[in-house]
Amino acid sequence: MSGPTGETPSAIQICRIMRPDDANVAGNVHGGTILKMIEEAGVIISTRHCNSQNGERCVAVLARVERTDFLSPMCIGEVAHVSAEITYTSKHSVEVQVHVMSENILTGQNPLPVESWCCVQCLSRSVNLPSRVYTKALFIYPIVVLTASSRPTLPGAGEHSAQCGLSGLQPH
């Protein structure tokens, strides 16, 4: 972890094998299962980024999903590789781009079944509420990209920052 320059890893990858309870009777993984993995990856990378700054500890929560495209089905027995990277930060929110690759471990095929963009907000504990309730939006330091390649962002990045948040929350 580092200081207020935001020099933290801006990407993560998590993997999970798809089981019968993740799928319908045809063997295709439920979209909700994939959406849950997308949210988890976005929250992990955003929480790490927000907590890399000096100051108050916080947790990231999903504010909204900008866009999700299901490009091809994922099946039982395939390994889901969920890659999340921060593509943009505004004063109180983080934009995360998530790719889900499915790997057939028998054939080695790796199609890209899902792409998603999420908006996440980092919240701190409220002093007057129980310790597990988070209500106060925190200031988010800009991300410093650690690779030479430019990161793609959702068209209009930055324009949605006023819309990307939870109603009723007061900035810190």
N, C-alpha and C. Protein backbone atom coordinates (compact mmCIF):
# COMPACT_ATOMS: atom_id res chain seq x y z
N MET A 1 0.85 -1.18 0.00
CA MET A 1 0.00 0.00 0.00
C MET A 1 0.88 1.24 0.00
N SER A 2 0.34 2.30 -0.53
CA SER A 2 1.14 3.51 -0.63
C SER A 2 0.33 4.72 -0.24
N GLY A 3 0.93 5.88 -0.38
CA GLY A 3 0.33 7.13 0.04
C GLY A 3 -0.62 7.75 -0.95
N PRO A 4 -0.86 9.05 -0.84
CA PRO A 4 -1.90 9.73 -1.59
C PRO A 4 -1.64 9.88 -3.08
N THR A 5 -0.56 9.33 -3.60
CA THR A 5 -0.34 9.40 -5.05
C THR A 5 -1.19 8.38 -5.78
N GLY A 6 -1.77 7.43 -5.06
CA GLY A 6 -2.64 6.44 -5.69
C GLY A 6 -1.86 5.33 -6.37
N GLU A 7 -0.59 5.14 -6.02
CA GLU A 7 0.24 4.15 -6.68
C GLU A 7 -0.03 2.76 -6.11
N THR A 8 -1.18 2.22 -6.42
CA THR A 8 -1.55 0.87 -6.01
C THR A 8 -1.83 0.07 -7.26
N PRO A 9 -1.78 -1.24 -7.16
CA PRO A 9 -2.14 -2.02 -8.34
C PRO A 9 -3.54 -1.65 -8.81
N SER A 10 -3.67 -1.36 -10.09
CA SER A 10 -4.97 -0.92 -10.60
C SER A 10 -5.72 -2.05 -11.28
N ALA A 11 -5.26 -3.29 -11.13
CA ALA A 11 -5.96 -4.42 -11.73
C ALA A 11 -5.81 -5.65 -10.84
N ILE A 12 -6.83 -6.51 -10.87
CA ILE A 12 -6.78 -7.79 -10.15
C ILE A 12 -7.41 -8.86 -11.03
N GLN A 13 -7.17 -10.12 -10.68
CA GLN A 13 -7.85 -11.23 -11.35
C GLN A 13 -8.22 -12.27 -10.30
N ILE A 14 -9.47 -12.73 -10.38
CA ILE A 14 -9.92 -13.83 -9.52
C ILE A 14 -10.44 -14.94 -10.42
N CYS A 15 -10.30 -16.17 -9.97
CA CYS A 15 -10.72 -17.33 -10.77
C CYS A 15 -11.62 -18.24 -9.95
N ARG A 16 -12.54 -18.92 -10.64
CA ARG A 16 -13.46 -19.84 -9.98
C ARG A 16 -13.99 -20.82 -11.01
N ILE A 17 -14.07 -22.09 -10.65
CA ILE A 17 -14.64 -23.09 -11.55
C ILE A 17 -16.16 -23.07 -11.40
N MET A 18 -16.86 -23.18 -12.52
CA MET A 18 -18.32 -23.13 -12.52
C MET A 18 -18.87 -24.52 -12.20
N ARG A 19 -19.78 -24.58 -11.23
CA ARG A 19 -20.35 -25.84 -10.74
C ARG A 19 -21.80 -25.97 -11.19
N PRO A 20 -22.36 -27.17 -11.03
CA PRO A 20 -23.76 -27.37 -11.43
C PRO A 20 -24.74 -26.42 -10.75
N ASP A 21 -24.49 -26.04 -9.49
CA ASP A 21 -25.42 -25.12 -8.82
C ASP A 21 -25.30 -23.68 -9.33
N ASP A 22 -24.31 -23.40 -10.21
CA ASP A 22 -24.16 -22.08 -10.83
C ASP A 22 -24.92 -21.98 -12.14
N ALA A 23 -25.53 -23.09 -12.61
CA ALA A 23 -26.06 -23.14 -13.97
C ALA A 23 -27.52 -23.58 -14.01
N ASN A 24 -28.11 -23.37 -15.18
CA ASN A 24 -29.47 -23.83 -15.43
C ASN A 24 -29.43 -25.29 -15.90
N VAL A 25 -30.59 -25.87 -16.23
CA VAL A 25 -30.65 -27.28 -16.62
C VAL A 25 -29.94 -27.56 -17.94
N ALA A 26 -29.72 -26.55 -18.76
CA ALA A 26 -29.01 -26.72 -20.03
C ALA A 26 -27.49 -26.67 -19.83
N GLY A 27 -27.03 -26.35 -18.60
CA GLY A 27 -25.60 -26.31 -18.33
C GLY A 27 -24.95 -24.95 -18.52
N ASN A 28 -25.76 -23.93 -18.83
CA ASN A 28 -25.24 -22.57 -18.98
C ASN A 28 -25.26 -21.84 -17.64
N VAL A 29 -24.17 -21.17 -17.32
CA VAL A 29 -24.05 -20.44 -16.05
C VAL A 29 -25.05 -19.29 -16.02
N HIS A 30 -25.73 -19.15 -14.90
CA HIS A 30 -26.70 -18.05 -14.72
C HIS A 30 -25.99 -16.70 -14.83
N GLY A 31 -26.65 -15.74 -15.45
CA GLY A 31 -26.11 -14.38 -15.54
C GLY A 31 -25.90 -13.77 -14.17
N GLY A 32 -26.76 -14.09 -13.21
CA GLY A 32 -26.62 -13.55 -11.86
C GLY A 32 -25.35 -14.02 -11.18
N THR A 33 -24.93 -15.25 -11.46
CA THR A 33 -23.68 -15.76 -10.91
C THR A 33 -22.51 -14.95 -11.43
N ILE A 34 -22.54 -14.66 -12.72
CA ILE A 34 -21.47 -13.87 -13.35
C ILE A 34 -21.50 -12.44 -12.84
N LEU A 35 -22.69 -11.86 -12.70
CA LEU A 35 -22.81 -10.50 -12.18
C LEU A 35 -22.28 -10.39 -10.75
N LYS A 36 -22.51 -11.42 -9.95
CA LYS A 36 -21.99 -11.42 -8.57
C LYS A 36 -20.46 -11.40 -8.58
N MET A 37 -19.84 -12.20 -9.46
CA MET A 37 -18.38 -12.21 -9.54
C MET A 37 -17.85 -10.86 -10.03
N ILE A 38 -18.57 -10.23 -10.96
CA ILE A 38 -18.18 -8.90 -11.45
C ILE A 38 -18.21 -7.89 -10.31
N GLU A 39 -19.27 -7.91 -9.52
CA GLU A 39 -19.38 -6.98 -8.39
C GLU A 39 -18.26 -7.22 -7.37
N GLU A 40 -17.99 -8.48 -7.05
CA GLU A 40 -16.95 -8.80 -6.07
C GLU A 40 -15.59 -8.28 -6.54
N ALA A 41 -15.25 -8.50 -7.80
CA ALA A 41 -13.95 -8.04 -8.32
C ALA A 41 -13.87 -6.51 -8.28
N GLY A 42 -14.94 -5.83 -8.68
CA GLY A 42 -14.96 -4.37 -8.65
C GLY A 42 -14.83 -3.80 -7.25
N VAL A 43 -15.49 -4.43 -6.30
CA VAL A 43 -15.43 -3.97 -4.91
C VAL A 43 -14.04 -4.21 -4.32
N ILE A 44 -13.43 -5.36 -4.63
CA ILE A 44 -12.09 -5.65 -4.10
C ILE A 44 -11.08 -4.62 -4.58
N ILE A 45 -11.01 -4.38 -5.89
CA ILE A 45 -10.00 -3.46 -6.42
C ILE A 45 -10.27 -2.02 -5.95
N SER A 46 -11.53 -1.64 -5.86
CA SER A 46 -11.87 -0.28 -5.42
C SER A 46 -11.58 -0.08 -3.93
N THR A 47 -11.89 -1.07 -3.12
CA THR A 47 -11.61 -0.97 -1.68
C THR A 47 -10.11 -0.88 -1.45
N ARG A 48 -9.35 -1.69 -2.18
CA ARG A 48 -7.89 -1.62 -2.06
C ARG A 48 -7.37 -0.24 -2.44
N HIS A 49 -7.90 0.31 -3.53
CA HIS A 49 -7.45 1.64 -3.96
C HIS A 49 -7.80 2.70 -2.91
N CYS A 50 -9.03 2.68 -2.42
CA CYS A 50 -9.45 3.69 -1.44
C CYS A 50 -8.69 3.56 -0.13
N ASN A 51 -8.37 2.34 0.28
CA ASN A 51 -7.65 2.13 1.54
C ASN A 51 -6.14 2.30 1.41
N SER A 52 -5.66 2.53 0.19
CA SER A 52 -4.23 2.76 0.02
C SER A 52 -3.86 4.20 0.38
N GLN A 53 -4.86 5.03 0.57
CA GLN A 53 -4.64 6.44 0.89
C GLN A 53 -4.48 6.60 2.39
N ASN A 54 -3.82 7.67 2.80
CA ASN A 54 -3.71 7.96 4.23
C ASN A 54 -5.07 8.44 4.72
N GLY A 55 -5.45 7.99 5.89
CA GLY A 55 -6.69 8.49 6.46
C GLY A 55 -7.66 7.38 6.83
N GLU A 56 -8.93 7.71 6.73
CA GLU A 56 -10.00 6.86 7.18
C GLU A 56 -10.12 5.57 6.37
N ARG A 57 -10.32 4.44 7.05
CA ARG A 57 -10.53 3.16 6.38
C ARG A 57 -11.94 3.13 5.82
N CYS A 58 -12.12 2.43 4.72
CA CYS A 58 -13.44 2.43 4.09
C CYS A 58 -13.69 1.11 3.37
N VAL A 59 -14.90 0.98 2.86
CA VAL A 59 -15.29 -0.16 2.05
C VAL A 59 -15.95 0.40 0.78
N ALA A 60 -15.72 -0.26 -0.33
CA ALA A 60 -16.34 0.17 -1.58
C ALA A 60 -17.66 -0.59 -1.76
N VAL A 61 -18.64 0.09 -2.30
CA VAL A 61 -19.93 -0.53 -2.59
C VAL A 61 -20.32 -0.21 -4.02
N LEU A 62 -21.02 -1.13 -4.64
CA LEU A 62 -21.47 -0.94 -6.01
C LEU A 62 -22.56 0.13 -6.03
N ALA A 63 -22.37 1.17 -6.81
CA ALA A 63 -23.38 2.22 -6.94
C ALA A 63 -24.27 1.93 -8.15
N ARG A 64 -23.66 1.50 -9.24
CA ARG A 64 -24.45 1.14 -10.41
C ARG A 64 -23.58 0.41 -11.42
N VAL A 65 -24.25 -0.33 -12.27
CA VAL A 65 -23.58 -1.01 -13.37
C VAL A 65 -23.85 -0.17 -14.61
N GLU A 66 -22.79 0.34 -15.22
CA GLU A 66 -22.94 1.18 -16.40
C GLU A 66 -23.40 0.38 -17.60
N ARG A 67 -22.76 -0.79 -17.78
CA ARG A 67 -23.05 -1.58 -18.96
C ARG A 67 -22.52 -2.99 -18.74
N THR A 68 -23.28 -4.00 -19.17
CA THR A 68 -22.82 -5.38 -19.14
C THR A 68 -23.25 -6.04 -20.44
N ASP A 69 -22.29 -6.62 -21.14
CA ASP A 69 -22.58 -7.32 -22.39
C ASP A 69 -22.24 -8.79 -22.22
N PHE A 70 -23.26 -9.65 -22.34
CA PHE A 70 -23.05 -11.10 -22.32
C PHE A 70 -22.79 -11.52 -23.76
N LEU A 71 -21.54 -11.84 -24.08
CA LEU A 71 -21.12 -12.08 -25.46
C LEU A 71 -21.23 -13.54 -25.88
N SER A 72 -21.06 -14.45 -24.95
CA SER A 72 -21.21 -15.88 -25.23
C SER A 72 -21.47 -16.62 -23.92
N PRO A 73 -22.09 -17.82 -23.99
CA PRO A 73 -22.41 -18.53 -22.75
C PRO A 73 -21.18 -19.13 -22.07
N MET A 74 -21.28 -19.31 -20.77
CA MET A 74 -20.26 -20.01 -19.99
C MET A 74 -20.93 -21.27 -19.46
N CYS A 75 -20.20 -22.37 -19.41
CA CYS A 75 -20.80 -23.67 -19.07
C CYS A 75 -20.20 -24.26 -17.80
N ILE A 76 -20.92 -25.24 -17.26
CA ILE A 76 -20.44 -26.00 -16.10
C ILE A 76 -19.08 -26.60 -16.43
N GLY A 77 -18.16 -26.53 -15.47
CA GLY A 77 -16.84 -27.11 -15.63
C GLY A 77 -15.80 -26.14 -16.18
N GLU A 78 -16.25 -25.01 -16.71
CA GLU A 78 -15.31 -24.01 -17.20
C GLU A 78 -14.82 -23.15 -16.03
N VAL A 79 -13.63 -22.60 -16.19
CA VAL A 79 -13.06 -21.73 -15.16
C VAL A 79 -13.33 -20.29 -15.58
N ALA A 80 -13.94 -19.53 -14.68
CA ALA A 80 -14.19 -18.11 -14.93
C ALA A 80 -12.99 -17.32 -14.43
N HIS A 81 -12.39 -16.53 -15.31
CA HIS A 81 -11.29 -15.63 -14.96
C HIS A 81 -11.87 -14.21 -15.00
N VAL A 82 -12.03 -13.60 -13.85
CA VAL A 82 -12.62 -12.27 -13.75
C VAL A 82 -11.49 -11.26 -13.53
N SER A 83 -11.27 -10.40 -14.50
CA SER A 83 -10.22 -9.38 -14.43
C SER A 83 -10.88 -8.02 -14.27
N ALA A 84 -10.49 -7.29 -13.24
CA ALA A 84 -11.04 -5.97 -12.99
C ALA A 84 -9.91 -4.96 -12.94
N GLU A 85 -10.15 -3.79 -13.55
CA GLU A 85 -9.16 -2.72 -13.47
C GLU A 85 -9.87 -1.38 -13.34
N ILE A 86 -9.24 -0.51 -12.56
CA ILE A 86 -9.76 0.84 -12.40
C ILE A 86 -9.39 1.63 -13.65
N THR A 87 -10.40 2.21 -14.28
CA THR A 87 -10.16 2.97 -15.50
C THR A 87 -10.32 4.47 -15.30
N TYR A 88 -10.97 4.87 -14.19
CA TYR A 88 -11.21 6.30 -13.98
C TYR A 88 -11.58 6.51 -12.52
N THR A 89 -11.13 7.61 -11.95
CA THR A 89 -11.59 8.01 -10.62
C THR A 89 -12.07 9.45 -10.67
N SER A 90 -13.15 9.71 -9.97
CA SER A 90 -13.62 11.08 -9.81
C SER A 90 -13.48 11.41 -8.33
N LYS A 91 -14.03 12.51 -7.90
CA LYS A 91 -13.87 12.95 -6.52
C LYS A 91 -14.42 11.94 -5.51
N HIS A 92 -15.54 11.28 -5.84
CA HIS A 92 -16.18 10.38 -4.88
C HIS A 92 -16.56 9.03 -5.47
N SER A 93 -16.08 8.69 -6.67
CA SER A 93 -16.43 7.39 -7.23
C SER A 93 -15.27 6.82 -8.06
N VAL A 94 -15.36 5.54 -8.31
CA VAL A 94 -14.34 4.81 -9.06
C VAL A 94 -15.05 4.07 -10.19
N GLU A 95 -14.51 4.18 -11.41
CA GLU A 95 -15.04 3.41 -12.53
C GLU A 95 -14.15 2.19 -12.71
N VAL A 96 -14.77 1.02 -12.80
CA VAL A 96 -14.04 -0.23 -12.95
C VAL A 96 -14.52 -0.93 -14.20
N GLN A 97 -13.57 -1.40 -15.02
CA GLN A 97 -13.90 -2.20 -16.19
C GLN A 97 -13.59 -3.65 -15.84
N VAL A 98 -14.53 -4.54 -16.13
CA VAL A 98 -14.38 -5.96 -15.79
C VAL A 98 -14.54 -6.80 -17.05
N HIS A 99 -13.61 -7.74 -17.24
CA HIS A 99 -13.69 -8.72 -18.31
C HIS A 99 -13.81 -10.09 -17.66
N VAL A 100 -14.69 -10.93 -18.21
CA VAL A 100 -14.82 -12.30 -17.73
C VAL A 100 -14.45 -13.22 -18.88
N MET A 101 -13.39 -13.97 -18.69
CA MET A 101 -12.96 -14.97 -19.68
C MET A 101 -13.38 -16.33 -19.14
N SER A 102 -13.83 -17.21 -20.02
CA SER A 102 -14.08 -18.58 -19.59
C SER A 102 -13.01 -19.46 -20.20
N GLU A 103 -12.49 -20.37 -19.40
CA GLU A 103 -11.45 -21.28 -19.87
C GLU A 103 -11.97 -22.71 -19.80
N ASN A 104 -11.98 -23.37 -20.94
CA ASN A 104 -12.28 -24.79 -20.95
C ASN A 104 -10.96 -25.48 -20.67
N ILE A 105 -10.81 -26.05 -19.48
CA ILE A 105 -9.52 -26.61 -19.09
C ILE A 105 -9.18 -27.90 -19.83
N LEU A 106 -10.15 -28.49 -20.53
CA LEU A 106 -9.87 -29.68 -21.34
C LEU A 106 -9.35 -29.33 -22.72
N THR A 107 -9.91 -28.27 -23.32
CA THR A 107 -9.52 -27.91 -24.69
C THR A 107 -8.58 -26.70 -24.74
N GLY A 108 -8.56 -25.90 -23.67
CA GLY A 108 -7.72 -24.71 -23.64
C GLY A 108 -8.35 -23.49 -24.29
N GLN A 109 -9.60 -23.61 -24.76
CA GLN A 109 -10.26 -22.45 -25.38
C GLN A 109 -10.58 -21.39 -24.33
N ASN A 110 -10.43 -20.12 -24.73
CA ASN A 110 -10.66 -18.98 -23.82
C ASN A 110 -11.55 -17.92 -24.45
N PRO A 111 -12.84 -18.16 -24.60
CA PRO A 111 -13.68 -17.07 -25.13
C PRO A 111 -13.91 -15.98 -24.09
N LEU A 112 -14.26 -14.79 -24.56
CA LEU A 112 -14.61 -13.66 -23.70
C LEU A 112 -16.13 -13.58 -23.64
N PRO A 113 -16.75 -14.15 -22.60
CA PRO A 113 -18.21 -14.16 -22.57
C PRO A 113 -18.86 -12.89 -22.04
N VAL A 114 -18.17 -12.10 -21.20
CA VAL A 114 -18.82 -10.94 -20.58
C VAL A 114 -17.83 -9.78 -20.45
N GLU A 115 -18.34 -8.57 -20.73
CA GLU A 115 -17.63 -7.32 -20.47
C GLU A 115 -18.56 -6.44 -19.66
N SER A 116 -18.01 -5.72 -18.68
CA SER A 116 -18.87 -4.88 -17.85
C SER A 116 -18.11 -3.65 -17.37
N TRP A 117 -18.85 -2.55 -17.16
CA TRP A 117 -18.32 -1.33 -16.54
C TRP A 117 -19.18 -1.04 -15.33
N CYS A 118 -18.54 -0.80 -14.20
CA CYS A 118 -19.25 -0.54 -12.95
C CYS A 118 -18.79 0.77 -12.35
N CYS A 119 -19.67 1.37 -11.59
CA CYS A 119 -19.34 2.57 -10.83
C CYS A 119 -19.42 2.21 -9.36
N VAL A 120 -18.34 2.46 -8.63
CA VAL A 120 -18.23 2.06 -7.24
C VAL A 120 -17.96 3.30 -6.41
N GLN A 121 -18.51 3.34 -5.19
CA GLN A 121 -18.28 4.46 -4.29
C GLN A 121 -17.66 3.94 -3.00
N CYS A 122 -16.69 4.66 -2.46
CA CYS A 122 -16.02 4.27 -1.22
C CYS A 122 -16.67 4.99 -0.05
N LEU A 123 -17.06 4.21 0.96
CA LEU A 123 -17.77 4.76 2.10
C LEU A 123 -17.01 4.49 3.39
N SER A 124 -17.11 5.43 4.33
CA SER A 124 -16.49 5.24 5.64
C SER A 124 -17.59 4.98 6.67
N ARG A 125 -17.16 4.53 7.84
CA ARG A 125 -18.11 4.31 8.92
C ARG A 125 -18.65 5.64 9.42
N SER A 126 -19.93 5.65 9.72
CA SER A 126 -20.52 6.83 10.33
C SER A 126 -20.28 6.76 11.83
N VAL A 127 -19.93 7.86 12.43
CA VAL A 127 -19.60 7.89 13.86
C VAL A 127 -20.82 7.54 14.71
N ASN A 128 -22.02 7.91 14.29
CA ASN A 128 -23.21 7.74 15.10
C ASN A 128 -23.95 6.43 14.86
N LEU A 129 -23.41 5.56 14.00
CA LEU A 129 -24.11 4.32 13.68
C LEU A 129 -23.26 3.12 14.07
N PRO A 130 -23.86 1.91 14.12
CA PRO A 130 -23.09 0.70 14.44
C PRO A 130 -21.88 0.56 13.53
N SER A 131 -20.88 -0.17 14.01
CA SER A 131 -19.60 -0.25 13.32
C SER A 131 -19.68 -0.88 11.93
N ARG A 132 -20.71 -1.60 11.59
CA ARG A 132 -20.79 -2.23 10.28
C ARG A 132 -21.62 -1.43 9.28
N VAL A 133 -22.09 -0.28 9.64
CA VAL A 133 -22.87 0.55 8.72
C VAL A 133 -21.97 1.63 8.15
N TYR A 134 -21.91 1.71 6.84
CA TYR A 134 -21.07 2.68 6.16
C TYR A 134 -21.97 3.67 5.44
N THR A 135 -21.76 4.96 5.70
CA THR A 135 -22.67 5.94 5.12
C THR A 135 -22.02 7.18 4.53
N LYS A 136 -20.77 7.42 4.79
CA LYS A 136 -20.16 8.68 4.40
C LYS A 136 -19.24 8.49 3.20
N ALA A 137 -19.54 9.17 2.08
CA ALA A 137 -18.69 9.07 0.89
C ALA A 137 -17.36 9.75 1.14
N LEU A 138 -16.27 9.09 0.77
CA LEU A 138 -14.94 9.63 0.98
C LEU A 138 -14.36 10.21 -0.29
N PHE A 139 -13.40 11.12 -0.12
CA PHE A 139 -12.64 11.64 -1.25
C PHE A 139 -11.75 10.52 -1.79
N ILE A 140 -11.69 10.38 -3.11
CA ILE A 140 -10.89 9.34 -3.75
C ILE A 140 -9.75 9.99 -4.50
N TYR A 141 -8.53 9.58 -4.18
CA TYR A 141 -7.36 10.10 -4.89
C TYR A 141 -7.33 9.53 -6.30
N PRO A 142 -6.78 10.27 -7.25
CA PRO A 142 -6.70 9.79 -8.63
C PRO A 142 -5.86 8.53 -8.74
N ILE A 143 -6.19 7.71 -9.70
CA ILE A 143 -5.43 6.49 -9.96
C ILE A 143 -4.19 6.84 -10.76
N VAL A 144 -3.10 6.20 -10.44
CA VAL A 144 -1.88 6.34 -11.21
C VAL A 144 -1.69 5.02 -11.96
N VAL A 145 -1.77 5.07 -13.27
CA VAL A 145 -1.67 3.86 -14.08
C VAL A 145 -0.21 3.40 -14.08
N LEU A 146 0.02 2.13 -13.73
CA LEU A 146 1.36 1.62 -13.58
C LEU A 146 1.89 0.94 -14.84
N THR A 147 1.08 0.88 -15.90
CA THR A 147 1.54 0.28 -17.15
C THR A 147 1.64 1.34 -18.22
N ALA A 148 2.39 1.04 -19.27
CA ALA A 148 2.58 2.02 -20.35
C ALA A 148 1.36 2.12 -21.25
N SER A 149 0.54 1.07 -21.30
CA SER A 149 -0.62 1.10 -22.19
C SER A 149 -1.69 2.02 -21.64
N SER A 150 -2.43 2.64 -22.55
CA SER A 150 -3.53 3.50 -22.10
C SER A 150 -4.73 2.62 -21.80
N ARG A 151 -5.44 2.97 -20.76
CA ARG A 151 -6.59 2.18 -20.35
C ARG A 151 -7.84 2.68 -21.05
N PRO A 152 -8.65 1.76 -21.61
CA PRO A 152 -9.89 2.19 -22.22
C PRO A 152 -10.90 2.56 -21.14
N THR A 153 -11.68 3.59 -21.38
CA THR A 153 -12.73 3.95 -20.44
C THR A 153 -14.05 3.99 -21.18
N LEU A 154 -15.09 3.92 -20.43
CA LEU A 154 -16.42 4.02 -20.99
C LEU A 154 -16.57 5.39 -21.63
N PRO A 155 -17.14 5.47 -22.84
CA PRO A 155 -17.31 6.78 -23.46
C PRO A 155 -18.03 7.73 -22.51
N GLY A 156 -17.50 8.95 -22.40
CA GLY A 156 -18.09 9.93 -21.52
C GLY A 156 -17.61 9.83 -20.09
N ALA A 157 -16.48 9.15 -19.87
CA ALA A 157 -15.95 9.02 -18.51
C ALA A 157 -15.81 10.39 -17.89
N GLY A 158 -16.25 10.50 -16.69
CA GLY A 158 -16.19 11.78 -16.00
C GLY A 158 -17.52 12.51 -16.07
N GLU A 159 -18.25 12.34 -17.17
CA GLU A 159 -19.54 13.00 -17.30
C GLU A 159 -20.58 12.38 -16.38
N HIS A 160 -20.38 11.09 -16.03
CA HIS A 160 -21.35 10.41 -15.19
C HIS A 160 -21.07 10.57 -13.71
N SER A 161 -19.99 11.23 -13.33
CA SER A 161 -19.60 11.28 -11.92
C SER A 161 -20.68 11.90 -11.04
N ALA A 162 -21.44 12.83 -11.54
CA ALA A 162 -22.51 13.42 -10.75
C ALA A 162 -23.64 12.42 -10.54
N GLN A 163 -23.83 11.52 -11.51
CA GLN A 163 -24.90 10.53 -11.42
C GLN A 163 -24.45 9.29 -10.67
N CYS A 164 -23.15 9.06 -10.62
CA CYS A 164 -22.60 7.83 -10.05
C CYS A 164 -22.45 7.96 -8.55
N GLY A 165 -23.44 7.54 -7.82
CA GLY A 165 -23.35 7.64 -6.38
C GLY A 165 -24.63 7.15 -5.75
N LEU A 166 -24.66 7.15 -4.46
CA LEU A 166 -25.82 6.70 -3.73
C LEU A 166 -26.55 7.92 -3.21
N SER A 167 -27.83 8.01 -3.49
CA SER A 167 -28.58 9.18 -3.06
C SER A 167 -28.61 9.25 -1.54
N GLY A 168 -28.55 10.45 -1.03
CA GLY A 168 -28.63 10.66 0.39
C GLY A 168 -27.29 10.63 1.12
N LEU A 169 -26.21 10.31 0.42
CA LEU A 169 -24.91 10.27 1.07
C LEU A 169 -24.25 11.65 1.01
N GLN A 170 -23.62 12.01 2.06
CA GLN A 170 -22.94 13.28 2.11
C GLN A 170 -21.45 13.07 1.93
N PRO A 171 -20.81 13.80 1.00
CA PRO A 171 -19.35 13.68 0.84
C PRO A 171 -18.63 14.07 2.12
N HIS A 172 -17.49 13.45 2.35
CA HIS A 172 -16.66 13.69 3.53
C HIS A 172 -15.90 14.99 3.36
